[in-house]
Amino acid sequence: MLCHLVIGDNDDLSASRQWLEATVEVPIKGSMDEEGLRTAAMTFLRDTLNAEIAALRSGPLG
């Protein structure tokens, strides 16, 4: 399942000063409610971002 996530500091993204937009593919087995899907997508996105940050720290920029 693909989830399109937009996280901002304002309900209206055009008024947001900071925002993050991402599309993530969430592996799901069985059925999930909206809250479960949101939690799974955010966990997957957090883990992906943590891995990218860790890679930057060990690379030429770290």
PDB file of N, CA and C in Angstrom:
ATOM      1  N   MET A   1       0.840  -1.170   0.000  1.00  0.00           N
ATOM      2  CA  MET A   1       0.000   0.000   0.000  1.00  0.00           C
ATOM      3  C   MET A   1       0.886   1.234   0.000  1.00  0.00           C
ATOM      4  N   LEU A   2       0.559   2.205  -0.816  1.00  0.00           N
ATOM      5  CA  LEU A   2       1.276   3.464  -0.844  1.00  0.00           C
ATOM      6  C   LEU A   2       0.525   4.502  -0.028  1.00  0.00           C
ATOM      7  N   CYS A   3       1.243   5.225   0.805  1.00  0.00           N
ATOM      8  CA  CYS A   3       0.659   6.290   1.617  1.00  0.00           C
ATOM      9  C   CYS A   3       1.345   7.595   1.260  1.00  0.00           C
ATOM     10  N   HIS A   4       0.562   8.606   1.004  1.00  0.00           N
ATOM     11  CA  HIS A   4       1.100   9.937   0.738  1.00  0.00           C
ATOM     12  C   HIS A   4       0.927  10.736   2.015  1.00  0.00           C
ATOM     13  N   LEU A   5       2.033  11.140   2.625  1.00  0.00           N
ATOM     14  CA  LEU A   5       2.007  11.850   3.899  1.00  0.00           C
ATOM     15  C   LEU A   5       2.447  13.290   3.706  1.00  0.00           C
ATOM     16  N   VAL A   6       1.723  14.198   4.305  1.00  0.00           N
ATOM     17  CA  VAL A   6       2.125  15.602   4.338  1.00  0.00           C
ATOM     18  C   VAL A   6       2.035  16.054   5.788  1.00  0.00           C
ATOM     19  N   ILE A   7       3.154  16.509   6.328  1.00  0.00           N
ATOM     20  CA  ILE A   7       3.207  16.952   7.717  1.00  0.00           C
ATOM     21  C   ILE A   7       3.638  18.409   7.715  1.00  0.00           C
ATOM     22  N   GLY A   8       2.836  19.268   8.303  1.00  0.00           N
ATOM     23  CA  GLY A   8       3.179  20.688   8.319  1.00  0.00           C
ATOM     24  C   GLY A   8       2.867  21.329   9.657  1.00  0.00           C
ATOM     25  N   ASP A   9       3.243  22.591   9.779  1.00  0.00           N
ATOM     26  CA  ASP A   9       3.005  23.310  11.024  1.00  0.00           C
ATOM     27  C   ASP A   9       1.732  24.145  10.965  1.00  0.00           C
ATOM     28  N   ASN A  10       0.913  23.950   9.929  1.00  0.00           N
ATOM     29  CA  ASN A  10      -0.325  24.700   9.761  1.00  0.00           C
ATOM     30  C   ASN A  10      -1.284  23.816   8.967  1.00  0.00           C
ATOM     31  N   ASP A  11      -2.577  23.951   9.190  1.00  0.00           N
ATOM     32  CA  ASP A  11      -3.550  23.158   8.438  1.00  0.00           C
ATOM     33  C   ASP A  11      -3.474  23.439   6.937  1.00  0.00           C
ATOM     34  N   ASP A  12      -3.142  24.656   6.572  1.00  0.00           N
ATOM     35  CA  ASP A  12      -3.026  25.064   5.174  1.00  0.00           C
ATOM     36  C   ASP A  12      -1.543  25.063   4.803  1.00  0.00           C
ATOM     37  N   LEU A  13      -1.123  24.135   3.920  1.00  0.00           N
ATOM     38  CA  LEU A  13       0.304  24.034   3.590  1.00  0.00           C
ATOM     39  C   LEU A  13       0.858  25.300   2.955  1.00  0.00           C
ATOM     40  N   SER A  14       0.020  26.063   2.270  1.00  0.00           N
ATOM     41  CA  SER A  14       0.526  27.298   1.669  1.00  0.00           C
ATOM     42  C   SER A  14       0.896  28.320   2.740  1.00  0.00           C
ATOM     43  N   ALA A  15       0.355  28.158   3.954  1.00  0.00           N
ATOM     44  CA  ALA A  15       0.686  29.058   5.052  1.00  0.00           C
ATOM     45  C   ALA A  15       1.753  28.476   5.974  1.00  0.00           C
ATOM     46  N   SER A  16       2.150  27.210   5.738  1.00  0.00           N
ATOM     47  CA  SER A  16       3.147  26.569   6.593  1.00  0.00           C
ATOM     48  C   SER A  16       4.542  27.091   6.277  1.00  0.00           C
ATOM     49  N   ARG A  17       5.332  27.271   7.319  1.00  0.00           N
ATOM     50  CA  ARG A  17       6.720  27.678   7.125  1.00  0.00           C
ATOM     51  C   ARG A  17       7.613  26.463   6.912  1.00  0.00           C
ATOM     52  N   GLN A  18       7.245  25.356   7.511  1.00  0.00           N
ATOM     53  CA  GLN A  18       8.012  24.120   7.358  1.00  0.00           C
ATOM     54  C   GLN A  18       7.032  22.984   7.107  1.00  0.00           C
ATOM     55  N   TRP A  19       7.387  22.120   6.180  1.00  0.00           N
ATOM     56  CA  TRP A  19       6.560  20.953   5.940  1.00  0.00           C
ATOM     57  C   TRP A  19       7.386  19.865   5.287  1.00  0.00           C
ATOM     58  N   LEU A  20       6.923  18.664   5.415  1.00  0.00           N
ATOM     59  CA  LEU A  20       7.579  17.490   4.856  1.00  0.00           C
ATOM     60  C   LEU A  20       6.536  16.711   4.084  1.00  0.00           C
ATOM     61  N   GLU A  21       6.886  16.309   2.890  1.00  0.00           N
ATOM     62  CA  GLU A  21       5.972  15.533   2.060  1.00  0.00           C
ATOM     63  C   GLU A  21       6.702  14.290   1.605  1.00  0.00           C
ATOM     64  N   ALA A  22       6.058  13.152   1.713  1.00  0.00           N
ATOM     65  CA  ALA A  22       6.686  11.902   1.321  1.00  0.00           C
ATOM     66  C   ALA A  22       5.621  10.897   0.910  1.00  0.00           C
ATOM     67  N   THR A  23       6.004  10.009   0.048  1.00  0.00           N
ATOM     68  CA  THR A  23       5.170   8.866  -0.293  1.00  0.00           C
ATOM     69  C   THR A  23       5.940   7.635   0.134  1.00  0.00           C
ATOM     70  N   VAL A  24       5.322   6.827   0.957  1.00  0.00           N
ATOM     71  CA  VAL A  24       5.980   5.625   1.449  1.00  0.00           C
ATOM     72  C   VAL A  24       5.135   4.412   1.104  1.00  0.00           C
ATOM     73  N   GLU A  25       5.804   3.302   0.875  1.00  0.00           N
ATOM     74  CA  GLU A  25       5.125   2.036   0.641  1.00  0.00           C
ATOM     75  C   GLU A  25       5.157   1.267   1.955  1.00  0.00           C
ATOM     76  N   VAL A  26       3.993   0.978   2.470  1.00  0.00           N
ATOM     77  CA  VAL A  26       3.872   0.330   3.772  1.00  0.00           C
ATOM     78  C   VAL A  26       3.457  -1.129   3.562  1.00  0.00           C
ATOM     79  N   PRO A  27       4.302  -2.066   4.027  1.00  0.00           N
ATOM     80  CA  PRO A  27       3.918  -3.471   3.899  1.00  0.00           C
ATOM     81  C   PRO A  27       2.816  -3.813   4.908  1.00  0.00           C
ATOM     82  N   ILE A  28       1.672  -4.247   4.412  1.00  0.00           N
ATOM     83  CA  ILE A  28       0.532  -4.548   5.268  1.00  0.00           C
ATOM     84  C   ILE A  28       0.026  -5.949   4.939  1.00  0.00           C
ATOM     85  N   LYS A  29      -0.206  -6.718   5.972  1.00  0.00           N
ATOM     86  CA  LYS A  29      -0.819  -8.031   5.807  1.00  0.00           C
ATOM     87  C   LYS A  29      -2.175  -7.986   6.494  1.00  0.00           C
ATOM     88  N   GLY A  30      -3.204  -8.360   5.785  1.00  0.00           N
ATOM     89  CA  GLY A  30      -4.542  -8.303   6.356  1.00  0.00           C
ATOM     90  C   GLY A  30      -5.136  -6.920   6.198  1.00  0.00           C
ATOM     91  N   SER A  31      -6.098  -6.598   7.032  1.00  0.00           N
ATOM     92  CA  SER A  31      -6.741  -5.288   6.947  1.00  0.00           C
ATOM     93  C   SER A  31      -6.308  -4.416   8.121  1.00  0.00           C
ATOM     94  N   MET A  32      -6.390  -3.116   7.926  1.00  0.00           N
ATOM     95  CA  MET A  32      -5.968  -2.164   8.938  1.00  0.00           C
ATOM     96  C   MET A  32      -6.935  -0.995   8.960  1.00  0.00           C
ATOM     97  N   ASP A  33      -7.159  -0.446  10.133  1.00  0.00           N
ATOM     98  CA  ASP A  33      -7.978   0.750  10.209  1.00  0.00           C
ATOM     99  C   ASP A  33      -7.106   1.973   9.903  1.00  0.00           C
ATOM    100  N   GLU A  34      -7.724   3.129   9.809  1.00  0.00           N
ATOM    101  CA  GLU A  34      -6.994   4.343   9.421  1.00  0.00           C
ATOM    102  C   GLU A  34      -5.897   4.686  10.417  1.00  0.00           C
ATOM    103  N   GLU A  35      -6.179   4.559  11.702  1.00  0.00           N
ATOM    104  CA  GLU A  35      -5.173   4.873  12.723  1.00  0.00           C
ATOM    105  C   GLU A  35      -3.990   3.903  12.647  1.00  0.00           C
ATOM    106  N   GLY A  36      -4.276   2.631  12.436  1.00  0.00           N
ATOM    107  CA  GLY A  36      -3.210   1.632  12.301  1.00  0.00           C
ATOM    108  C   GLY A  36      -2.354   1.893  11.078  1.00  0.00           C
ATOM    109  N   LEU A  37      -2.979   2.284   9.978  1.00  0.00           N
ATOM    110  CA  LEU A  37      -2.248   2.605   8.757  1.00  0.00           C
ATOM    111  C   LEU A  37      -1.376   3.830   8.963  1.00  0.00           C
ATOM    112  N   ARG A  38      -1.914   4.852   9.621  1.00  0.00           N
ATOM    113  CA  ARG A  38      -1.146   6.072   9.886  1.00  0.00           C
ATOM    114  C   ARG A  38       0.066   5.753  10.768  1.00  0.00           C
ATOM    115  N   THR A  39      -0.136   4.948  11.794  1.00  0.00           N
ATOM    116  CA  THR A  39       0.960   4.573  12.693  1.00  0.00           C
ATOM    117  C   THR A  39       2.021   3.770  11.943  1.00  0.00           C
ATOM    118  N   ALA A  40       1.592   2.826  11.126  1.00  0.00           N
ATOM    119  CA  ALA A  40       2.544   2.015  10.355  1.00  0.00           C
ATOM    120  C   ALA A  40       3.340   2.879   9.380  1.00  0.00           C
ATOM    121  N   ALA A  41       2.664   3.807   8.708  1.00  0.00           N
ATOM    122  CA  ALA A  41       3.344   4.682   7.749  1.00  0.00           C
ATOM    123  C   ALA A  41       4.340   5.599   8.452  1.00  0.00           C
ATOM    124  N   MET A  42       3.946   6.173   9.576  1.00  0.00           N
ATOM    125  CA  MET A  42       4.848   7.074  10.295  1.00  0.00           C
ATOM    126  C   MET A  42       6.046   6.316  10.872  1.00  0.00           C
ATOM    127  N   THR A  43       5.827   5.097  11.352  1.00  0.00           N
ATOM    128  CA  THR A  43       6.932   4.288  11.866  1.00  0.00           C
ATOM    129  C   THR A  43       7.905   3.952  10.749  1.00  0.00           C
ATOM    130  N   PHE A  44       7.377   3.561   9.597  1.00  0.00           N
ATOM    131  CA  PHE A  44       8.221   3.238   8.450  1.00  0.00           C
ATOM    132  C   PHE A  44       9.016   4.466   8.004  1.00  0.00           C
ATOM    133  N   LEU A  45       8.358   5.620   7.933  1.00  0.00           N
ATOM    134  CA  LEU A  45       9.029   6.853   7.530  1.00  0.00           C
ATOM    135  C   LEU A  45      10.101   7.244   8.542  1.00  0.00           C
ATOM    136  N   ARG A  46       9.807   7.134   9.833  1.00  0.00           N
ATOM    137  CA  ARG A  46      10.788   7.447  10.884  1.00  0.00           C
ATOM    138  C   ARG A  46      12.015   6.550  10.770  1.00  0.00           C
ATOM    139  N   ASP A  47      11.795   5.259  10.580  1.00  0.00           N
ATOM    140  CA  ASP A  47      12.919   4.333  10.476  1.00  0.00           C
ATOM    141  C   ASP A  47      13.765   4.618   9.237  1.00  0.00           C
ATOM    142  N   THR A  48      13.105   4.969   8.130  1.00  0.00           N
ATOM    143  CA  THR A  48      13.830   5.300   6.902  1.00  0.00           C
ATOM    144  C   THR A  48      14.656   6.561   7.089  1.00  0.00           C
ATOM    145  N   LEU A  49      14.072   7.591   7.695  1.00  0.00           N
ATOM    146  CA  LEU A  49      14.804   8.837   7.926  1.00  0.00           C
ATOM    147  C   LEU A  49      15.961   8.629   8.891  1.00  0.00           C
ATOM    148  N   ASN A  50      15.767   7.831   9.948  1.00  0.00           N
ATOM    149  CA  ASN A  50      16.849   7.538  10.881  1.00  0.00           C
ATOM    150  C   ASN A  50      18.015   6.847  10.180  1.00  0.00           C
ATOM    151  N   ALA A  51      17.720   5.922   9.282  1.00  0.00           N
ATOM    152  CA  ALA A  51      18.770   5.228   8.534  1.00  0.00           C
ATOM    153  C   ALA A  51      19.526   6.203   7.625  1.00  0.00           C
ATOM    154  N   GLU A  52      18.803   7.119   6.977  1.00  0.00           N
ATOM    155  CA  GLU A  52      19.448   8.105   6.111  1.00  0.00           C
ATOM    156  C   GLU A  52      20.343   9.049   6.919  1.00  0.00           C
ATOM    157  N   ILE A  53      19.878   9.475   8.087  1.00  0.00           N
ATOM    158  CA  ILE A  53      20.672  10.364   8.943  1.00  0.00           C
ATOM    159  C   ILE A  53      21.927   9.650   9.432  1.00  0.00           C
ATOM    160  N   ALA A  54      21.785   8.390   9.825  1.00  0.00           N
ATOM    161  CA  ALA A  54      22.939   7.610  10.278  1.00  0.00           C
ATOM    162  C   ALA A  54      23.962   7.454   9.154  1.00  0.00           C
ATOM    163  N   ALA A  55      23.490   7.269   7.926  1.00  0.00           N
ATOM    164  CA  ALA A  55      24.397   7.137   6.791  1.00  0.00           C
ATOM    165  C   ALA A  55      25.146   8.443   6.533  1.00  0.00           C
ATOM    166  N   LEU A  56      24.486   9.570   6.709  1.00  0.00           N
ATOM    167  CA  LEU A  56      25.146  10.856   6.528  1.00  0.00           C
ATOM    168  C   LEU A  56      26.250  11.062   7.566  1.00  0.00           C
ATOM    169  N   ARG A  57      25.993  10.641   8.796  1.00  0.00           N
ATOM    170  CA  ARG A  57      26.973  10.806   9.866  1.00  0.00           C
ATOM    171  C   ARG A  57      28.231   9.995   9.595  1.00  0.00           C
ATOM    172  N   SER A  58      28.081   8.848   8.939  1.00  0.00           N
ATOM    173  CA  SER A  58      29.255   8.004   8.701  1.00  0.00           C
ATOM    174  C   SER A  58      29.910   8.328   7.354  1.00  0.00           C
ATOM    175  N   GLY A  59      29.316   9.213   6.581  1.00  0.00           N
ATOM    176  CA  GLY A  59      29.874   9.553   5.266  1.00  0.00           C
ATOM    177  C   GLY A  59      30.753  10.786   5.328  1.00  0.00           C
ATOM    178  N   PRO A  60      31.019  11.380   4.175  1.00  0.00           N
ATOM    179  CA  PRO A  60      31.922  12.539   4.104  1.00  0.00           C
ATOM    180  C   PRO A  60      31.393  13.781   4.822  1.00  0.00           C
ATOM    181  N   LEU A  61      30.074  13.846   5.049  1.00  0.00           N
ATOM    182  CA  LEU A  61      29.511  14.994   5.749  1.00  0.00           C
ATOM    183  C   LEU A  61      29.512  14.811   7.257  1.00  0.00           C
ATOM    184  N   GLY A  62      29.741  13.574   7.732  1.00  0.00           N
ATOM    185  CA  GLY A  62      29.663  13.270   9.157  1.00  0.00           C
ATOM    186  C   GLY A  62      30.921  13.581   9.843  1.00  0.00           C
TER     187      GLY A  62
END
